[in-house]
Protein backbone atom coordinates (compact mmCIF):
# COMPACT_ATOMS: atom_id res chain seq x y z
CA UNK A 1 10.32 274.59 174.13
CA UNK A 2 11.36 274.50 177.64
CA UNK A 3 14.38 273.28 177.76
CA UNK A 4 15.57 270.70 180.93
CA UNK A 5 18.92 269.26 182.33
CA UNK A 6 18.50 265.87 180.92
CA UNK A 7 20.35 264.53 177.29
CA UNK A 8 17.60 264.71 174.46
CA UNK A 9 19.14 260.77 173.82
CA UNK A 10 20.45 257.86 175.55
CA UNK A 11 24.18 258.14 176.44
CA UNK A 12 26.54 255.08 176.92
CA UNK A 13 26.60 255.37 180.56
CA UNK A 14 23.02 254.29 180.36
CA UNK A 15 23.39 250.74 178.95
CA UNK A 16 24.92 248.04 180.07
CA UNK A 17 27.58 246.61 177.85
CA UNK A 18 26.55 243.59 175.55
CA UNK A 19 28.43 240.80 174.23
CA UNK A 20 27.21 242.02 170.98
CA UNK A 21 28.39 245.44 171.32
CA UNK A 22 31.22 244.58 172.10
CA UNK A 23 32.16 241.98 169.72
CA UNK A 24 31.38 244.87 166.84
CA UNK A 25 33.96 247.26 169.02
CA UNK A 26 36.65 245.01 168.76
CA UNK A 27 35.46 243.87 165.30
CA UNK A 28 36.44 247.47 164.23
CA UNK A 29 39.47 247.33 166.10
CA UNK A 30 41.09 244.56 164.54
CA UNK A 31 40.13 245.82 161.09
CA UNK A 32 42.55 248.76 161.97
CA UNK A 33 45.09 246.78 163.59
CA UNK A 34 45.20 244.63 160.66
CA UNK A 35 45.51 247.76 158.74
CA UNK A 36 48.36 249.25 160.71
CA UNK A 37 49.72 245.41 160.50
CA UNK A 38 49.70 245.72 156.52
CA UNK A 39 52.11 248.47 157.12
CA UNK A 40 54.66 246.11 159.36
CA UNK A 41 54.32 243.19 156.30
CA UNK A 42 55.11 246.14 153.62
CA UNK A 43 58.13 246.83 156.01
CA UNK A 44 59.51 242.98 156.07
CA UNK A 45 58.86 242.87 152.21
CA UNK A 46 60.56 246.31 151.33
CA UNK A 47 63.59 244.91 153.43
CA UNK A 48 63.85 241.54 151.98
CA UNK A 49 63.97 243.88 148.02
CA UNK A 50 66.49 246.13 150.01
CA UNK A 51 69.06 243.50 150.75
CA UNK A 52 70.20 241.28 153.58
CA UNK A 53 71.83 243.62 155.86
CA UNK A 54 68.17 245.45 155.81
CA UNK A 55 66.56 242.04 155.82
CA UNK A 56 68.76 241.05 159.41
CA UNK A 57 67.38 244.19 161.19
CA UNK A 58 63.93 243.77 160.22
CA UNK A 59 64.14 240.16 160.75
CA UNK A 60 65.64 241.07 164.48
CA UNK A 61 63.11 243.67 165.02
CA UNK A 62 60.31 241.07 164.00
CA UNK A 63 62.16 238.13 166.00
CA UNK A 64 62.11 240.18 169.55
CA UNK A 65 60.05 239.77 172.32
CA UNK A 66 57.50 242.90 171.03
CA UNK A 67 57.79 241.79 167.32
CA UNK A 68 56.68 238.07 168.49
CA UNK A 69 54.03 239.96 170.63
CA UNK A 70 52.73 242.02 167.93
CA UNK A 71 52.53 239.40 165.01
CA UNK A 72 50.58 236.85 167.88
CA UNK A 73 47.99 239.71 168.22
CA UNK A 74 48.17 240.24 164.72
CA UNK A 75 47.52 236.90 164.16
CA UNK A 76 44.72 236.83 166.54
CA UNK A 77 42.87 240.12 165.00
CA UNK A 78 42.96 238.57 161.50
CA UNK A 79 41.41 235.06 162.58
CA UNK A 80 39.28 237.05 164.77
CA UNK A 81 38.06 239.79 162.38
CA UNK A 82 37.27 236.63 159.30
CA UNK A 83 35.14 234.52 161.82
CA UNK A 84 33.26 237.17 162.98
CA UNK A 85 33.25 238.33 159.04
CA UNK A 86 31.50 234.73 158.69
CA UNK A 87 29.07 236.07 161.08
CA UNK A 88 28.19 238.64 159.67
CA UNK A 89 27.63 237.45 156.50
CA UNK A 90 25.06 235.07 158.05
CA UNK A 91 23.55 237.93 159.23
CA UNK A 92 22.93 239.22 155.90
CA UNK A 93 21.31 236.55 154.88
CA UNK A 94 18.56 237.14 157.15
CA UNK A 95 20.34 234.02 159.94
CA UNK A 96 21.21 234.81 163.86
CA UNK A 97 19.26 236.95 164.92
CA UNK A 98 17.81 235.85 167.98
CA UNK A 99 19.44 236.44 171.18
CA UNK A 100 20.52 232.98 172.15
CA UNK A 101 22.09 232.30 168.74
CA UNK A 102 23.30 235.95 168.77
CA UNK A 103 25.41 235.19 171.78
CA UNK A 104 26.45 231.96 171.20
CA UNK A 105 27.85 232.87 167.25
CA UNK A 106 29.62 235.56 169.34
CA UNK A 107 31.32 233.02 172.21
CA UNK A 108 32.12 231.11 168.91
CA UNK A 109 33.40 233.58 167.20
CA UNK A 110 36.03 234.29 170.22
CA UNK A 111 36.31 230.37 170.44
CA UNK A 112 37.47 230.05 167.19
CA UNK A 113 39.84 232.96 167.27
CA UNK A 114 41.81 231.81 169.87
CA UNK A 115 41.70 227.92 169.05
CA UNK A 116 42.79 229.17 165.42
CA UNK A 117 45.72 231.48 166.45
CA UNK A 118 46.83 229.15 169.01
CA UNK A 119 46.93 226.10 166.29
CA UNK A 120 49.03 228.28 163.75
CA UNK A 121 51.44 229.36 166.50
CA UNK A 122 52.03 225.98 167.69
CA UNK A 123 52.52 225.06 163.84
CA UNK A 124 54.96 227.75 163.45
CA UNK A 125 56.89 227.28 166.61
CA UNK A 126 57.18 223.60 166.33
CA UNK A 127 58.68 223.87 162.61
CA UNK A 128 61.34 226.03 163.49
CA UNK A 129 59.43 229.25 161.16
CA UNK A 130 59.78 232.13 164.37
């Protein structure tokens, strides 16, 4: 068998990034980020159980600008993962495979996650929760 200097299978450089592949990668990343965020939630709960000093320290960390930024990103990751999970449930049922529908549902996932995140944070900030 002759060996050529060409790849045996297509590489990522050959393909143009598509919305569906990008959303799939983001879905996996948001799942990882949610796992990390769960560790932050565990830290907060352990600080709550450890007493007032530990809780004040945890609140100071989570209430800082970088803590708030992390919580905002975690909120978006949650809503994105949730909305995209619903999209995948429709795919599991056999709906939404047409290219037009796949793109519309992809944009709807991003728009929904963004809207839910902004609404949640608007409620948090107006009620004095953060």
